[in-house]
Protein backbone atom coordinates (compact mmCIF):
# COMPACT_ATOMS: atom_id res chain seq x y z
CA UNK A 1 -28.45 -36.58 41.73
CA UNK A 2 -25.55 -34.72 43.37
CA UNK A 3 -25.36 -31.02 44.06
CA UNK A 4 -24.63 -28.78 41.09
CA UNK A 5 -22.91 -26.13 43.25
CA UNK A 6 -20.80 -26.35 46.37
CA UNK A 7 -19.44 -23.76 48.76
CA UNK A 8 -15.72 -23.13 49.17
CA UNK A 9 -15.90 -24.89 52.54
CA UNK A 10 -17.59 -27.96 51.04
CA UNK A 11 -15.01 -28.17 48.24
CA UNK A 12 -12.14 -27.76 50.71
CA UNK A 13 -13.48 -30.59 52.87
CA UNK A 14 -14.08 -32.83 49.85
CA UNK A 15 -10.57 -32.47 48.41
CA UNK A 16 -8.65 -32.02 51.66
CA UNK A 17 -7.21 -28.51 51.31
CA UNK A 18 -7.69 -25.40 53.47
CA UNK A 19 -10.70 -23.25 52.60
CA UNK A 20 -8.32 -20.28 52.36
CA UNK A 21 -6.67 -21.99 49.37
CA UNK A 22 -10.05 -22.41 47.65
CA UNK A 23 -10.87 -18.74 48.28
CA UNK A 24 -7.48 -17.74 46.85
CA UNK A 25 -8.15 -19.73 43.67
CA UNK A 26 -11.54 -18.00 43.36
CA UNK A 27 -10.09 -14.55 44.02
CA UNK A 28 -7.40 -15.10 41.35
CA UNK A 29 -9.99 -16.49 38.87
CA UNK A 30 -8.10 -19.78 38.66
CA UNK A 31 -11.10 -21.91 39.67
CA UNK A 32 -14.48 -21.78 37.90
CA UNK A 33 -17.08 -20.15 40.13
CA UNK A 34 -20.23 -18.06 40.23
CA UNK A 35 -21.46 -15.48 42.70
CA UNK A 36 -24.96 -15.98 44.08
CA UNK A 37 -25.19 -12.56 45.74
CA UNK A 38 -24.52 -9.02 44.51
CA UNK A 39 -21.08 -7.49 44.94
CA UNK A 40 -18.96 -10.58 44.24
CA UNK A 41 -20.19 -12.28 47.40
CA UNK A 42 -21.22 -15.81 48.28
CA UNK A 43 -19.18 -17.73 45.68
CA UNK A 44 -20.22 -21.22 44.62
CA UNK A 45 -18.17 -23.73 42.66
CA UNK A 46 -19.94 -25.66 39.87
CA UNK A 47 -19.75 -29.43 39.63
CA UNK A 48 -16.54 -30.54 37.89
CA UNK A 49 -14.67 -27.25 38.43
CA UNK A 50 -12.07 -28.79 40.75
CA UNK A 51 -11.40 -31.65 38.35
CA UNK A 52 -10.90 -29.17 35.46
CA UNK A 53 -8.52 -27.12 37.64
CA UNK A 54 -6.45 -30.19 38.52
CA UNK A 55 -6.29 -31.30 34.87
CA UNK A 56 -5.24 -27.83 33.70
CA UNK A 57 -2.52 -27.25 36.30
CA UNK A 58 -1.09 -30.75 36.74
CA UNK A 59 2.60 -30.80 35.86
CA UNK A 60 3.20 -33.88 33.73
CA UNK A 61 6.17 -36.09 34.58
CA UNK A 62 8.97 -36.26 32.05
CA UNK A 63 9.16 -39.55 30.14
CA UNK A 64 12.54 -41.24 30.38
CA UNK A 65 14.09 -44.04 28.34
CA UNK A 66 15.40 -45.96 31.33
CA UNK A 67 17.66 -45.56 34.37
CA UNK A 68 19.81 -42.46 34.17
CA UNK A 69 18.11 -41.10 31.02
CA UNK A 70 16.93 -37.90 32.72
CA UNK A 71 20.43 -37.09 34.03
CA UNK A 72 22.13 -37.86 30.73
CA UNK A 73 24.26 -40.67 32.19
CA UNK A 74 24.88 -43.72 29.99
């Protein structure tokens, strides 16, 4: 069984982004997290939190009807 919680550093290494970006997402309450110490210290990210973040904030591509459809050219 995998870990239920990971540190910001572990998440950053797993997904390939700087740990400062993970800490920013935590600070802005954009990424699910819990604090394991008093005073909003020692944040941990629950399993699946990154995947939920990506799903929520992914910009979906526009669907086109063929070449030139997005630009309006016919």
